[in-house]
Every structure is written in structure tokens, then in C-alpha cells.
Protein backbone atom coordinates (compact mmCIF):
# COMPACT_ATOMS: atom_id res chain seq x y z
CA MET A 1 -6.25 24.87 -15.61
CA SER A 2 -2.99 24.21 -13.75
CA THR A 3 -0.15 22.04 -14.96
CA PHE A 4 2.32 19.68 -13.34
CA ALA A 5 5.45 17.96 -14.59
CA LEU A 6 7.00 14.52 -14.60
CA GLN A 7 10.46 15.01 -13.10
CA ASN A 8 12.75 12.00 -13.49
CA PRO A 9 14.38 11.38 -10.08
CA SER A 10 17.32 9.60 -11.71
CA THR A 11 18.30 12.77 -13.57
CA GLY A 12 16.47 15.57 -11.80
CA GLN A 13 15.20 16.69 -15.21
CA GLU A 14 11.66 17.63 -16.15
CA GLU A 15 10.42 15.45 -19.02
CA GLU A 16 6.72 16.08 -19.67
CA GLN A 17 3.90 18.35 -18.55
CA PHE A 18 0.29 17.45 -17.84
CA ASN A 19 -2.92 19.39 -17.19
CA ARG A 20 -4.93 19.05 -14.00
CA ILE A 21 -8.70 19.06 -14.09
CA ASN A 22 -10.65 22.18 -13.15
CA ASP A 23 -13.01 22.09 -10.17
CA ALA A 24 -15.88 22.54 -12.64
CA ASP A 25 -15.00 19.18 -14.25
CA ARG A 26 -16.03 17.23 -11.15
CA ASP A 27 -19.73 17.05 -12.01
CA ALA A 28 -19.14 15.59 -15.46
CA ILE A 29 -16.60 13.07 -14.13
CA LEU A 30 -18.92 11.78 -11.41
CA ASP A 31 -21.95 11.78 -13.70
CA ARG A 32 -20.03 9.63 -16.17
CA ALA A 33 -18.86 7.22 -13.46
CA THR A 34 -22.39 6.95 -12.05
CA ALA A 35 -23.93 6.28 -15.45
CA ALA A 36 -21.30 3.63 -16.22
CA GLY A 37 -22.11 2.00 -12.91
CA GLU A 38 -25.69 1.34 -13.93
CA GLN A 39 -24.39 -0.80 -16.79
CA TRP A 40 -21.43 -2.39 -14.99
CA ARG A 41 -23.35 -3.58 -11.92
CA LYS A 42 -25.73 -5.49 -14.21
CA THR A 43 -22.90 -7.14 -16.14
CA PRO A 44 -22.73 -10.90 -15.39
CA ILE A 45 -20.05 -11.95 -12.92
CA ALA A 46 -18.36 -14.15 -15.50
CA GLN A 47 -18.02 -11.19 -17.86
CA ARG A 48 -16.58 -8.97 -15.13
CA ALA A 49 -14.12 -11.71 -14.25
CA ASP A 50 -13.10 -12.02 -17.89
CA VAL A 51 -12.17 -8.32 -17.97
CA LEU A 52 -9.90 -8.84 -14.94
CA ARG A 53 -8.34 -11.93 -16.52
CA LYS A 54 -7.58 -10.05 -19.75
CA THR A 55 -6.17 -7.12 -17.74
CA ALA A 56 -3.71 -9.45 -16.04
CA LYS A 57 -2.53 -10.66 -19.43
CA LEU A 58 -2.16 -7.13 -20.78
CA PHE A 59 0.03 -6.12 -17.84
CA GLN A 60 2.36 -8.96 -18.75
CA GLU A 61 2.34 -8.16 -22.46
CA ASN A 62 3.24 -4.51 -21.76
CA LYS A 63 5.65 -5.16 -18.90
CA LYS A 64 8.68 -3.45 -20.41
CA GLN A 65 6.93 -0.16 -21.16
CA LEU A 66 5.02 -0.19 -17.86
CA ALA A 67 8.26 -0.74 -15.94
CA GLU A 68 9.88 2.16 -17.75
CA HIS A 69 6.97 4.42 -16.83
CA ILE A 70 7.48 3.99 -13.09
CA GLY A 71 11.24 4.07 -13.43
CA ARG A 72 10.95 7.53 -14.95
CA GLU A 73 8.22 8.64 -12.55
CA MET A 74 9.51 7.56 -9.14
CA GLY A 75 12.87 5.90 -9.76
CA LYS A 76 11.96 2.24 -9.24
CA LEU A 77 14.70 -0.09 -10.42
CA THR A 78 13.61 -2.02 -13.50
CA ARG A 79 13.80 -5.45 -11.83
CA TRP A 80 11.63 -4.17 -8.97
CA ALA A 81 9.19 -2.61 -11.43
CA GLU A 82 8.83 -5.87 -13.36
CA ALA A 83 8.30 -7.78 -10.11
CA GLU A 84 5.57 -5.31 -9.14
CA ILE A 85 3.83 -5.90 -12.46
CA ASP A 86 3.95 -9.66 -11.85
CA ILE A 87 2.15 -9.14 -8.51
CA VAL A 88 -0.44 -6.94 -10.24
CA SER A 89 -1.13 -9.69 -12.78
CA ASP A 90 -1.49 -12.19 -9.95
CA ILE A 91 -4.05 -9.96 -8.21
CA PHE A 92 -6.25 -9.51 -11.28
CA THR A 93 -5.97 -13.23 -12.06
CA TRP A 94 -6.82 -14.27 -8.49
CA TYR A 95 -10.01 -12.23 -8.42
CA ALA A 96 -11.00 -13.54 -11.84
CA GLU A 97 -10.47 -17.15 -10.78
CA HIS A 98 -12.32 -16.75 -7.46
CA ALA A 99 -15.11 -14.50 -8.76
CA HIS A 100 -18.08 -16.81 -8.26
CA GLU A 101 -16.83 -18.04 -4.90
CA LEU A 102 -16.30 -14.49 -3.60
CA LEU A 103 -19.67 -13.17 -4.78
CA ALA A 104 -21.81 -16.23 -4.06
CA ASP A 105 -24.98 -15.64 -2.04
CA GLU A 106 -24.64 -16.65 1.60
CA GLN A 107 -27.59 -18.80 2.57
CA LEU A 108 -28.71 -18.34 6.17
CA SER A 109 -31.02 -20.49 8.23
CA GLN A 110 -34.65 -19.75 7.38
CA GLN A 111 -35.39 -18.12 10.75
CA GLY A 112 -39.15 -18.02 10.18
CA ALA A 113 -39.07 -17.40 6.43
CA GLN A 114 -39.09 -19.75 3.48
CA GLN A 115 -35.63 -18.54 2.48
CA THR A 116 -33.06 -16.09 3.91
CA TRP A 117 -29.82 -15.04 2.25
CA VAL A 118 -27.27 -12.24 1.94
CA ARG A 119 -26.02 -11.03 -1.42
CA LYS A 120 -22.93 -8.87 -2.04
CA GLU A 121 -23.90 -5.88 -4.14
CA PRO A 122 -21.91 -2.82 -5.27
CA LEU A 123 -22.20 0.54 -3.52
CA GLY A 124 -21.59 2.70 -6.59
CA VAL A 125 -18.70 5.06 -7.32
CA VAL A 126 -15.60 4.50 -5.19
CA LEU A 127 -12.83 7.09 -5.13
CA GLY A 128 -9.24 5.86 -4.91
CA ILE A 129 -6.47 8.20 -3.73
CA MET A 130 -3.24 6.34 -4.40
CA PRO A 131 0.48 6.86 -3.62
CA TRP A 132 3.54 6.82 -5.84
CA ASN A 133 5.67 4.12 -4.17
CA PHE A 134 3.95 1.12 -5.85
CA PRO A 135 2.08 2.83 -8.67
CA TYR A 136 0.43 -0.27 -10.18
CA TYR A 137 0.17 -2.56 -7.16
CA GLN A 138 -1.63 -0.01 -4.99
CA VAL A 139 -4.18 0.57 -7.75
CA ALA A 140 -4.66 -3.15 -8.46
CA ARG A 141 -5.43 -4.16 -4.90
CA TRP A 142 -8.15 -1.47 -4.79
CA ALA A 143 -9.43 -1.81 -8.34
CA ALA A 144 -9.60 -5.58 -8.91
CA PRO A 145 -12.02 -6.50 -6.08
CA ASN A 146 -14.17 -3.42 -6.53
CA LEU A 147 -14.55 -3.85 -10.28
CA LEU A 148 -15.40 -7.51 -9.74
CA LEU A 149 -18.04 -6.46 -7.23
CA GLY A 150 -19.57 -4.05 -9.75
CA ASN A 151 -18.44 -0.70 -8.36
CA THR A 152 -17.14 1.95 -10.73
CA LEU A 153 -13.93 3.77 -9.87
CA VAL A 154 -12.38 7.23 -10.01
CA LEU A 155 -8.61 7.25 -9.53
CA LYS A 156 -6.66 10.20 -8.20
CA HIS A 157 -3.06 9.04 -8.28
CA ALA A 158 0.01 10.82 -6.95
CA SER A 159 1.02 13.74 -9.14
CA ILE A 160 4.34 12.12 -9.99
CA CYS A 161 2.54 9.14 -11.60
CA PRO A 162 0.79 10.50 -14.70
CA LEU A 163 2.01 7.79 -17.08
CA SER A 164 1.27 4.78 -14.88
CA SER A 165 -2.11 6.06 -13.71
CA GLN A 166 -3.34 6.56 -17.26
CA ALA A 167 -1.93 3.16 -18.22
CA CYS A 168 -4.17 1.55 -15.59
CA GLN A 169 -7.26 3.02 -17.24
CA ASP A 170 -6.07 2.25 -20.74
CA LEU A 171 -5.31 -1.41 -20.03
CA LEU A 172 -8.65 -1.99 -18.29
CA GLU A 173 -10.54 -0.48 -21.22
CA GLN A 174 -8.44 -2.49 -23.66
CA ALA A 175 -9.46 -5.58 -21.67
CA GLY A 176 -13.13 -4.75 -22.22
CA LEU A 177 -14.09 -2.59 -19.24
CA PRO A 178 -16.87 -0.19 -20.34
CA LYS A 179 -15.79 3.40 -20.81
CA ASP A 180 -16.10 5.52 -17.64
CA ALA A 181 -16.23 2.49 -15.33
CA PHE A 182 -12.65 3.49 -14.39
CA ILE A 183 -11.70 7.16 -14.76
CA ASN A 184 -8.17 8.41 -14.12
CA VAL A 185 -8.14 12.10 -13.17
CA TYR A 186 -5.17 14.41 -12.88
CA ALA A 187 -6.06 16.41 -9.79
CA SER A 188 -4.44 18.07 -6.81
CA GLY A 189 -4.86 16.88 -3.25
CA SER A 190 -6.78 20.03 -2.43
CA GLN A 191 -9.46 19.08 -4.97
CA MET A 192 -10.22 15.77 -3.28
CA ASP A 193 -12.28 17.05 -0.37
CA ALA A 194 -15.10 18.04 -2.71
CA PHE A 195 -14.96 14.62 -4.41
CA VAL A 196 -15.14 12.80 -1.06
CA ALA A 197 -18.08 14.94 0.08
CA ASP A 198 -20.03 14.54 -3.17
CA LYS A 199 -23.14 12.39 -2.76
CA ARG A 200 -22.34 10.49 -5.98
CA VAL A 201 -19.23 9.03 -4.30
CA ALA A 202 -20.18 6.05 -2.16
CA GLY A 203 -16.80 5.47 -0.52
CA VAL A 204 -13.13 6.38 -0.60
CA SER A 205 -9.95 4.33 -0.29
CA LEU A 206 -6.73 6.16 0.49
CA THR A 207 -3.19 4.87 0.70
CA GLY A 208 -0.81 7.63 1.68
CA SER A 209 0.20 10.00 4.44
CA GLU A 210 -1.40 10.24 7.85
CA GLN A 211 -2.30 13.89 7.23
CA ALA A 212 -4.13 13.03 4.01
CA GLY A 213 -5.79 10.06 5.69
CA ALA A 214 -7.10 12.16 8.56
CA ALA A 215 -8.55 14.73 6.14
CA VAL A 216 -10.27 12.05 4.05
CA ALA A 217 -11.65 10.23 7.09
CA LYS A 218 -13.05 13.48 8.51
CA THR A 219 -14.89 14.41 5.32
CA ALA A 220 -16.10 10.87 4.70
CA GLY A 221 -17.44 10.61 8.24
CA GLU A 222 -19.22 13.94 8.00
CA ASN A 223 -20.93 12.66 4.85
CA TYR A 224 -21.87 9.21 6.17
CA LYS A 225 -19.75 7.16 3.83
CA LYS A 226 -17.22 4.39 4.15
CA SER A 227 -13.49 5.03 4.06
CA LEU A 228 -10.48 2.74 4.04
CA LEU A 229 -7.05 4.03 5.07
CA GLU A 230 -3.65 2.43 4.55
CA LEU A 231 -1.11 4.80 6.02
CA GLY A 232 2.44 4.61 7.37
CA GLY A 233 4.34 2.08 9.43
CA ASN A 234 7.29 1.73 11.79
CA ASP A 235 7.49 -2.03 11.60
CA PRO A 236 9.62 -4.02 14.07
CA PHE A 237 11.87 -6.88 12.94
CA ILE A 238 12.77 -8.94 16.04
CA VAL A 239 15.71 -11.37 16.01
CA LEU A 240 15.64 -13.78 18.97
CA ASP A 241 18.84 -15.78 18.38
CA ASP A 242 22.05 -15.62 16.38
CA GLU A 243 22.22 -19.15 15.01
CA ASN A 244 21.69 -17.90 11.43
CA LEU A 245 22.46 -14.25 12.10
CA ASP A 246 24.42 -13.48 8.93
CA TRP A 247 21.62 -14.83 6.75
CA VAL A 248 18.94 -13.02 8.78
CA LEU A 249 20.77 -9.71 8.50
CA GLU A 250 21.14 -10.19 4.75
CA GLN A 251 17.37 -10.68 4.58
CA PHE A 252 16.75 -7.63 6.73
CA THR A 253 18.98 -5.44 4.57
CA LYS A 254 17.37 -6.58 1.32
CA ILE A 255 13.84 -6.12 2.65
CA ARG A 256 14.53 -2.78 4.35
CA MET A 257 16.24 -1.30 1.30
CA TYR A 258 13.77 -2.74 -1.21
CA ASN A 259 12.17 0.02 -3.28
CA THR A 260 14.90 2.30 -1.88
CA GLY A 261 13.31 1.99 1.55
CA GLN A 262 10.04 3.50 0.34
CA ALA A 263 7.56 0.89 1.51
CA CYS A 264 5.04 1.40 4.28
CA ASN A 265 5.40 -2.21 5.48
CA ALA A 266 9.21 -2.37 5.32
CA PRO A 267 10.96 -3.36 8.58
CA LYS A 268 11.98 0.01 9.98
CA ARG A 269 13.19 -1.07 13.45
CA LEU A 270 15.58 -3.99 13.84
CA ILE A 271 15.52 -5.30 17.43
CA VAL A 272 18.24 -7.76 18.47
CA MET A 273 19.43 -9.27 21.72
CA ASP A 274 22.27 -7.67 23.69
CA GLU A 275 24.61 -10.62 23.24
CA PHE A 276 24.83 -10.19 19.46
CA TYR A 277 24.11 -6.47 19.10
CA ASP A 278 27.74 -5.51 18.39
CA ARG A 279 28.07 -8.24 15.76
CA THR A 280 24.82 -7.08 14.19
CA VAL A 281 26.00 -3.48 13.87
CA GLU A 282 29.37 -4.55 12.45
CA THR A 283 27.71 -6.78 9.86
CA LEU A 284 25.17 -4.14 8.84
CA GLU A 285 27.85 -1.49 8.48
CA LYS A 286 29.43 -3.59 5.76
CA LEU A 287 26.21 -4.74 4.10
CA ILE A 288 24.74 -1.25 3.92
CA GLY A 289 28.03 0.51 3.23
CA ASP A 290 28.71 -1.75 0.23
CA MET A 291 25.36 -1.09 -1.46
CA LYS A 292 25.59 0.43 -4.94
CA VAL A 293 23.31 3.35 -5.71
CA GLY A 294 22.25 3.89 -9.31
CA ALA A 295 19.61 5.10 -11.75
CA TYR A 296 16.40 3.16 -12.30
CA ASP A 297 17.81 1.48 -15.42
CA ASP A 298 21.20 0.60 -13.90
CA GLU A 299 21.25 -3.21 -13.83
CA ASN A 300 24.02 -3.24 -11.22
CA ALA A 301 22.33 -0.91 -8.73
CA ASP A 302 21.26 -2.22 -5.32
CA ILE A 303 19.02 0.78 -4.70
CA GLY A 304 17.80 3.65 -6.84
CA PRO A 305 16.98 7.30 -6.27
CA LEU A 306 14.27 8.47 -3.92
CA SER A 307 11.01 9.59 -5.47
CA SER A 308 12.07 13.23 -5.61
CA ILE A 309 14.86 15.59 -4.66
CA GLY A 310 12.57 17.14 -2.06
CA ALA A 311 11.90 13.76 -0.43
CA ARG A 312 15.64 13.04 -0.35
CA ASP A 313 16.47 16.40 1.18
CA GLU A 314 13.83 16.02 3.89
CA ILE A 315 15.29 12.71 5.06
CA VAL A 316 18.89 13.94 4.98
CA GLU A 317 17.88 16.99 7.05
CA ARG A 318 16.06 14.83 9.60
CA LEU A 319 19.09 12.57 9.98
CA ALA A 320 21.47 15.50 10.45
CA GLU A 321 19.16 17.09 13.01
CA ALA A 322 18.85 13.81 14.93
CA GLU A 323 22.62 13.40 15.16
CA LYS A 324 23.09 17.04 16.12
CA ASN A 325 20.54 16.69 18.95
CA GLY A 326 22.02 13.43 20.20
CA ASP A 327 18.91 11.47 19.20
CA ALA A 328 20.84 9.00 17.01
CA THR A 329 24.29 8.09 15.74
CA ILE A 330 24.90 7.69 12.02
CA ARG A 331 27.20 4.70 11.55
CA VAL A 332 27.00 4.56 7.76
CA GLY A 333 25.70 6.98 5.12
CA GLY A 334 23.18 9.67 5.88
CA LYS A 335 24.17 12.20 3.23
CA ALA A 336 22.97 13.27 -0.18
CA ILE A 337 25.10 11.98 -3.05
CA ASP A 338 26.72 14.68 -5.15
CA ARG A 339 25.20 13.87 -8.53
CA GLU A 340 22.16 14.85 -10.53
CA GLY A 341 18.95 13.33 -9.24
CA ALA A 342 17.43 12.32 -5.91
CA PHE A 343 20.17 10.02 -4.61
CA MET A 344 21.30 9.53 -1.01
CA GLU A 345 23.64 7.17 0.79
CA PRO A 346 22.07 4.06 2.35
CA THR A 347 22.11 4.68 6.09
CA LEU A 348 22.49 2.84 9.39
CA LEU A 349 21.38 4.50 12.64
CA VAL A 350 22.21 3.29 16.15
CA ASP A 351 21.69 4.71 19.66
CA VAL A 352 18.30 5.99 18.56
CA ASP A 353 16.00 7.63 21.08
CA PRO A 354 12.65 5.87 20.48
CA LYS A 355 10.80 9.03 21.52
CA ALA A 356 12.67 11.29 19.10
CA ASP A 357 11.46 12.07 15.58
CA VAL A 358 13.60 9.43 13.85
CA GLY A 359 12.59 6.84 16.44
CA CYS A 360 8.83 7.22 16.57
CA ASN A 361 8.03 8.58 13.10
CA GLU A 362 8.40 6.69 9.84
CA ILE A 363 11.52 7.32 7.73
CA PHE A 364 10.46 6.70 4.15
CA GLY A 365 13.84 6.01 2.62
CA PRO A 366 16.95 3.78 2.77
CA VAL A 367 17.54 4.06 6.52
CA ALA A 368 17.94 1.11 8.91
CA ILE A 369 17.66 1.50 12.69
CA VAL A 370 18.97 -1.00 15.25
CA TYR A 371 17.76 -1.37 18.83
CA ARG A 372 19.06 -3.71 21.52
CA ALA A 373 16.97 -5.71 24.00
CA LYS A 374 18.09 -7.75 27.00
CA ASP A 375 15.50 -10.48 26.33
CA ALA A 376 12.35 -11.32 24.36
CA ALA A 377 10.11 -9.49 26.83
CA GLU A 378 11.97 -6.23 26.32
CA ALA A 379 11.97 -6.79 22.55
CA ILE A 380 8.17 -7.04 22.64
CA GLU A 381 7.99 -3.89 24.73
CA ILE A 382 10.16 -1.96 22.24
CA ALA A 383 8.19 -3.33 19.28
CA ASN A 384 4.83 -2.33 20.74
CA ASP A 385 6.02 1.13 21.79
CA SER A 386 4.65 2.71 18.64
CA ASP A 387 1.49 4.45 17.49
CA TYR A 388 1.74 2.53 14.20
CA GLY A 389 0.51 -1.02 13.76
CA LEU A 390 0.96 -2.17 10.19
CA SER A 391 3.18 -5.25 10.26
CA SER A 392 5.94 -6.96 12.21
CA SER A 393 8.16 -10.02 12.05
CA VAL A 394 9.96 -12.41 14.41
CA TRP A 395 13.04 -14.34 13.37
CA SER A 396 14.29 -17.45 15.17
CA THR A 397 15.30 -21.06 14.65
CA ASP A 398 12.96 -21.88 17.57
CA LEU A 399 9.53 -21.61 15.96
CA GLU A 400 7.65 -22.08 19.21
CA ALA A 401 9.56 -19.23 20.85
CA ALA A 402 8.90 -17.10 17.78
CA ARG A 403 5.16 -17.84 17.93
CA GLU A 404 5.05 -16.87 21.61
CA VAL A 405 6.52 -13.49 20.72
CA ALA A 406 4.47 -13.01 17.55
CA VAL A 407 1.09 -13.31 19.28
CA GLN A 408 2.03 -10.47 21.64
CA LEU A 409 2.69 -7.93 18.89
CA HIS A 410 0.08 -5.24 18.21
CA ASP A 411 -0.15 -5.11 14.43
CA GLY A 412 -2.39 -5.96 11.51
CA MET A 413 0.07 -8.47 10.01
CA THR A 414 2.80 -10.49 11.75
CA PHE A 415 5.25 -12.86 10.06
CA ILE A 416 7.71 -15.44 11.36
CA ASN A 417 10.99 -15.78 9.45
CA GLU A 418 9.71 -13.56 6.64
CA HIS A 419 8.56 -9.95 6.34
CA ALA A 420 6.52 -7.73 4.03
CA VAL A 421 5.04 -10.69 2.18
CA THR A 422 2.10 -9.74 0.00
CA GLY A 423 -0.15 -11.84 -2.19
CA ALA A 424 -3.58 -11.71 -3.75
CA GLY A 425 -4.88 -14.28 -1.27
CA LEU A 426 -3.53 -12.55 1.86
CA PRO A 427 -5.32 -9.70 3.68
CA PHE A 428 -3.38 -6.43 3.93
CA GLY A 429 -3.93 -3.67 6.48
CA GLY A 430 -3.04 -2.27 9.86
CA ILE A 431 -4.26 -0.60 13.04
CA GLY A 432 -3.57 2.66 14.88
CA ARG A 433 -1.76 5.35 12.89
CA SER A 434 -1.35 2.76 10.13
CA GLY A 435 -5.03 3.07 9.26
CA TYR A 436 -8.02 0.75 9.14
CA GLY A 437 -9.74 -1.67 6.80
CA ARG A 438 -8.34 -4.59 4.81
CA GLU A 439 -7.49 -5.12 1.17
CA LEU A 440 -6.87 -8.24 -0.95
CA ALA A 441 -8.23 -11.79 -0.62
CA ARG A 442 -11.91 -12.06 0.35
CA TRP A 443 -11.51 -8.95 2.51
CA GLY A 444 -11.00 -6.92 -0.66
CA VAL A 445 -14.65 -7.36 -1.67
CA GLY A 446 -15.83 -6.84 1.90
CA GLU A 447 -15.14 -3.12 2.26
CA PHE A 448 -17.17 -1.20 -0.33
CA VAL A 449 -20.09 -3.57 -0.49
CA ASN A 450 -23.78 -3.64 0.32
CA GLU A 451 -24.31 -6.93 2.15
CA HIS A 452 -27.95 -7.05 1.24
CA LEU A 453 -30.28 -9.22 3.30
CA TYR A 454 -33.15 -10.96 1.45
CA ARG A 455 -36.01 -12.92 3.03
CA VAL A 456 -38.89 -14.64 1.32
CA SER A 457 -42.08 -15.53 3.19
CA ASP A 458 -45.54 -16.38 1.93
CA GLN A 459 -48.44 -14.33 3.20
CA SER A 460 -49.50 -16.99 5.69
CA SER A 461 -46.12 -17.07 7.37
CA ALA A 462 -45.31 -14.89 10.35
CA GLY A 463 -41.90 -13.33 10.74
CA LEU A 464 -39.74 -13.58 13.82
CA SER A 465 -40.84 -10.16 15.04
CA PRO A 466 -42.81 -7.20 13.81
CA ALA A 467 -40.97 -4.34 12.18
CA LEU A 468 -39.71 -1.84 14.72
């Protein structure tokens, strides 16, 4: 049995150790989840919804401790952590309140039978492989719809999230979820291929890196099962006019640096018109340069540490290499901060080669990039010149002009005068290297579901066609 440690990114210190499962434990885990599923799928919808409703309440009642967990695990500032928990409560509440509507039978025209309908039924055990950047939110948007549907779940969270991942299981069971209907496992990434391939697993949802997503999709496809992937992003943020430029740039800076820049759907590429490019850079130099970096529990901090010292060092090295090669110019920041922990300076890049590493690949940290465009057409061209397709935004006082640009962007989610908005009633997902499938809202119960057709005919009735 191997061990792993919680290392606080605000201090760089190891705090606790945990034991990973052995490969031999897989059978017992999946047998337990399968057996629990036989009970859970037969549980009335109202009772399933009540478990979700109670879970939402428990997240609120335990907010302080839950926020501290993810502060210690991945460095999330306390106010951000508490806001994440509020969203999690909203998600569980939304699915509880819309349970009967979401799972209602869909009556079809009779089409030669006395009655024809489709019923949403669970698939069975669904594996969730979740990332560290939003430890509760990522789990909630996968867990809430699937538990409502009647699936049972096995969670493999990021190794740096042992406290929060176990809290998810504990709170659900405290809310009345039957034991083994949600099982948190401490496992390595290398152990997941066997889980995905196992016939007792009906589907797998992964939020994480492209490399991990490709591996999961390959194994799932080879074993004829559904997968959902939410991967990276290189989201464009297009500004068409400068009427409210100072306010727009304040919004961009807040959204880009939220969660210390560690959000897949953060605006990674700011695209502005030539005529106000210089003013944009000057304003951002001050906004970003004035940001205060602090520990997760520092109430005055604008951003916190990165998730780990290794993650910080990787970004700093990429930035230095880009400047050395002439692929970008660092206008502000770009260096590690000389203190214990995983801290780096908030950064502004200009003159970025869109084909270079820092231009075409996601930077998962507090780094803003500015591009210039001569007009809206070139802005669209720059925005769409990416293999990612998660989200995008267009900012303008002319809403019609903004709409004309928005409908030409190749992404899963596009916003006008806002960015990275998430809510229980809004679908979430992307295209291209950003993955496939949708989570949240009614789409959340539409992924790992058996849409089961039923027809009733008496023996004197003839169907539309004989069986093939």
C-alpha cells in the first residue's frame, strides 16, 4: 500500500499522510457500489431528491471547515472557497427542486401502439475522476444529477484533495444516502485504467488534463461505455470598444486571476482593438502589478498560492523560456516569489506568438495575455485560432455588434458582457481539445442515462413494422 501527503501550498509543509488503495481492492469497491445500486435505483424519486436537499444544507452548515480543507489542500482563498460551497449548495438544491420534472416520462405519439413513452433510467456505477481546482464544485456537478437519476458513484479525486473528497462522501451519507452509493477512493491515476475497463463500471466522467482525458476516452471506447470529458481551455475575451474600458479591464483582471488563474474556463486571451491596445496594456500593468499575493487565509490577499510548488515552477519556467525565445514579452511579474509555499507574481504577457507554447497551450495560473486586432473580423479570427473550445466572451456597449461576433465563435459556451458564469440551471461543456459532453441543468441527467423506450400494444394491434 502506497502513501501520499497533503502538502499545504501556502507553507510548502507536509501536514498529513494518507494510504492509497491496493489494486486488489478494486473488486470489493465495485461489488459494493453495484450492490448499493440495486437499492438506490429503486428508491423513490422524492426520497432521492430529499437526500440532495439535505446535502445542500449540510454544505452550508459545515462551510467554515469545508473551506479550510480546500485552503490547506490547494490554496484557495477562504472567500473563494466559501463562494464555491454556495454554488455546490445551489446545485444540490436545484436538482432536488426539479427532480420530478427532470425524470418525468416523455410521452410520445402512439405510433401504432396503445401507448409509447421514454423513461430515464440509471446505467449503474459511474466513475468520476475529478481535479483539484474546484474540489467540491466539480464533484457536485457530476454527483447531484447522477445520484438523482439513480446511478451509484465511485470518486477518484486529485491526490492533493484527500480531505475534501472524503467530506463529499461523509456529507452525502449524513444526508441519508445509502452506504456504498458514493465511494471515495484514494487511488493513483495509473490505477484508473483498470477501473474504466471493468464491466461493472457503466461510464466515466473526467475533468482534468488532456492527457488523462485521452487515456480515459481510449479505454472507455475499447470497452463500449460512455465517457464525458471536461478538459482545458484557452478562452478568448474580446473587447470591441473602449467606452467603458476601465471597468471592462477591471472585470477581466478579476475573472482571469480568480482562483489564482487556475480555472479551465477563465479568459486566457484578451483581444482588443488597435486603437486602445496601448491604453489596455498600461491599465493592466497597474491592475496586475498592484495585486497582493497571500496565503489562503489572508483576508487581504487578491490571489493565493498555486496548487503546488511544482505547478508554480512549471509556469515560471515556461514564461522564462518564452521570453528567451522571443515568443512573448513579460510586462509585469513572471517570477516565483521568494517565500515558503507555491507563490508567484501575477503576470502580464504581450507580443505573444499565438503558435508558440504560451500562445496556443493553456497556462493554468495567474497569467494574462493581450492580443491586438485591427477590427472585429480579425478578433474573431484570433479567437477561433485555437484547438480548444470551452468558452468565450464579447464585451461591448453595442449589444447587436456583440451578438454578431458571438455567433461566429467556435466554443461550447459564449457570453456577452460577462464571462465564466456558472449555475445549476446552465449547461457546461466544450468542444475540441476542451472535451465533449455537457454537465448541469437538464443536460446533467442526459449523459449517463438509459433512455428506455416502452410501447404497449394489445395482441390484436399490429406494430409499425416487424422486428428487423
